[in-house]
Structures are given as C-alpha cells and as structure tokens.
Amino acid sequence: MTDTTAPDPTLLTPQEAAARAAAGALLVDVRRPVSREEFGVIPDATPVDRSDVANEFVVDVSGSLPALRSKDQEIVLFCSSEKGSIPVVEELVGLGFTRVRHILGGYTAWKEAGLPTTAPS
C-alpha cells in the first residue's frame, strides 16, 4: 500500500528555514526556557511562550513582538521537534496569520545540520 498523504506544506528543512530567516522571516523559538538554557539557542530567534501565543502575536500592539509587522509576514517557528510547534502553527493560522511555517525536526535538526547556534548558558 502506498502512502498518499501529501507532505505538510508548513514544514521547512532546517536549511530552508535558515534561508528564509536570512531573507527576513521572523524566526520564533517556542521551546521552554529550560530547553533553551540546556541546549542553546539559534541567534536572532525570538523566544515566545507557546502558552501565550494569542497575546504575543498581536500586530501593532505594545507588548507584543516588536518584529511582528503584519499577519502576512513570514513566520518560521521551531520547538525541540516539529511536534511541539504544530499546535502553535495551528493557533497562528486560526488567528489569521497566512505565512506560518515550522522546522522539520525542530531545533535538534537545525543543530545537527550545522547551522548557527549558541552554547547553552
């Protein structure tokens, strides 16, 4: 039996995600603070508490993400794996964001691909 499931259009390889971030996409880290402390971070990624997404992703409101300009801005999310970022992708799409992606394999895959990270604190 063949798998007829279409690939997830919201997933990017780590290399694709890095290229999009370099081109101006907002790169967002939705891992828990303890994970960032233990495993390191991706430079220039914006940390967001995934339990507070609705309050963090408000366009043109003081206290939300300063780099967030519009609901059609490209956003690339990552967690430790893509399973942790899927609910955040779904929530942002439900809030009207149109260009939300996440990284296949998450932070772990990014690091294994040899892309820039900073050492754990």
Protein backbone atom coordinates (compact mmCIF):
# COMPACT_ATOMS: atom_id res chain seq x y z
CA MET A 1 0.00 0.00 0.00
CA THR A 2 1.40 3.41 -0.93
CA ASP A 3 1.24 6.43 1.28
CA THR A 4 -0.90 9.04 -0.49
CA THR A 5 -0.58 11.60 2.27
CA ALA A 6 0.57 14.92 0.90
CA PRO A 7 3.65 16.41 2.54
CA ASP A 8 2.93 19.05 5.17
CA PRO A 9 3.23 22.39 3.34
CA THR A 10 4.05 24.17 6.60
CA LEU A 11 7.28 22.21 7.14
CA LEU A 12 10.68 23.54 6.10
CA THR A 13 14.02 21.80 6.25
CA PRO A 14 16.50 23.50 8.59
CA GLN A 15 18.37 24.81 5.56
CA GLU A 16 15.18 26.26 4.03
CA ALA A 17 14.30 27.83 7.37
CA ALA A 18 17.76 29.41 7.66
CA ALA A 19 17.45 30.85 4.15
CA ARG A 20 14.01 32.28 4.91
CA ALA A 21 15.23 33.79 8.18
CA ALA A 22 18.17 35.35 6.32
CA ALA A 23 15.66 36.80 3.84
CA GLY A 24 13.65 38.42 6.65
CA ALA A 25 11.25 35.81 8.02
CA LEU A 26 10.56 36.13 11.74
CA LEU A 27 12.27 33.15 13.41
CA VAL A 28 10.47 32.17 16.62
CA ASP A 29 11.63 29.76 19.33
CA VAL A 30 8.66 28.20 21.16
CA ARG A 31 10.72 25.84 23.32
CA ARG A 32 10.50 26.09 27.08
CA PRO A 33 13.12 28.35 28.75
CA VAL A 34 14.76 25.32 30.37
CA SER A 35 15.35 23.80 26.91
CA ARG A 36 16.97 26.99 25.68
CA GLU A 37 19.19 27.08 28.76
CA GLU A 38 20.12 23.41 28.47
CA PHE A 39 20.62 23.07 24.71
CA GLY A 40 21.40 26.59 23.46
CA VAL A 41 19.62 28.94 21.09
CA ILE A 42 19.54 29.99 17.46
CA PRO A 43 20.98 33.51 17.17
CA ASP A 44 18.36 36.14 16.30
CA ALA A 45 15.44 33.80 17.10
CA THR A 46 12.71 35.42 19.17
CA PRO A 47 11.66 33.38 22.21
CA VAL A 48 7.90 33.13 22.73
CA ASP A 49 5.95 31.35 25.46
CA ARG A 50 3.81 28.93 23.46
CA SER A 51 1.09 29.13 26.09
CA ASP A 52 0.74 32.89 25.45
CA VAL A 53 0.72 32.99 21.64
CA ALA A 54 -2.55 34.91 21.33
CA ASN A 55 -1.11 37.75 23.43
CA GLU A 56 2.37 37.71 21.87
CA PHE A 57 1.24 37.76 18.22
CA VAL A 58 -0.81 40.93 18.07
CA VAL A 59 0.10 43.28 15.24
CA ASP A 60 0.80 46.91 16.20
CA VAL A 61 0.13 46.49 19.90
CA SER A 62 2.56 47.50 22.61
CA GLY A 63 3.84 44.44 24.46
CA SER A 64 3.60 42.10 21.52
CA LEU A 65 6.57 41.02 19.39
CA PRO A 66 8.38 44.15 18.17
CA ALA A 67 9.42 42.49 14.89
CA LEU A 68 5.84 41.48 14.03
CA ARG A 69 4.58 43.78 11.29
CA SER A 70 1.54 42.08 9.73
CA LYS A 71 -0.47 38.90 9.55
CA ASP A 72 1.01 38.10 6.16
CA GLN A 73 4.62 38.38 7.37
CA GLU A 74 6.50 35.09 7.06
CA ILE A 75 6.94 33.38 10.43
CA VAL A 76 9.16 30.33 10.97
CA LEU A 77 8.60 28.54 14.28
CA PHE A 78 10.61 25.84 15.96
CA CYS A 79 10.42 23.74 19.09
CA SER A 80 12.64 20.81 20.07
CA SER A 81 10.92 18.84 17.30
CA GLU A 82 8.16 19.75 14.85
CA LYS A 83 5.59 18.05 17.09
CA GLY A 84 5.93 20.85 19.63
CA SER A 85 5.47 23.58 17.04
CA ILE A 86 2.44 22.09 15.25
CA PRO A 87 -0.08 23.42 17.81
CA VAL A 88 1.47 26.90 17.57
CA VAL A 89 1.27 26.83 13.75
CA GLU A 90 -2.39 25.83 14.01
CA GLU A 91 -3.12 28.55 16.57
CA LEU A 92 -1.48 31.28 14.46
CA VAL A 93 -3.34 30.17 11.35
CA GLY A 94 -6.55 30.29 13.41
CA LEU A 95 -5.64 33.87 14.39
CA GLY A 96 -5.41 34.82 10.71
CA PHE A 97 -1.66 34.57 10.04
CA THR A 98 -1.16 33.40 6.48
CA ARG A 99 2.55 32.53 6.14
CA VAL A 100 3.38 30.35 9.12
CA ARG A 101 5.92 27.55 8.77
CA HIS A 102 7.91 25.36 11.13
CA ILE A 103 11.15 23.42 11.00
CA LEU A 104 11.19 19.70 10.20
CA GLY A 105 12.97 18.14 13.18
CA GLY A 106 12.94 21.42 15.13
CA TYR A 107 15.94 22.81 16.97
CA THR A 108 17.58 19.39 17.10
CA ALA A 109 17.63 19.10 13.29
CA TRP A 110 18.84 22.71 12.94
CA LYS A 111 21.77 22.00 15.24
CA GLU A 112 22.54 18.63 13.60
CA ALA A 113 22.59 20.41 10.21
CA GLY A 114 25.49 22.52 11.49
CA LEU A 115 23.52 25.77 11.34
CA PRO A 116 24.40 28.55 13.82
CA THR A 117 23.56 28.04 17.49
CA THR A 118 24.93 29.50 20.68
CA ALA A 119 26.19 27.35 23.51
CA PRO A 120 23.90 26.59 26.44
CA SER A 121 24.03 29.11 29.26
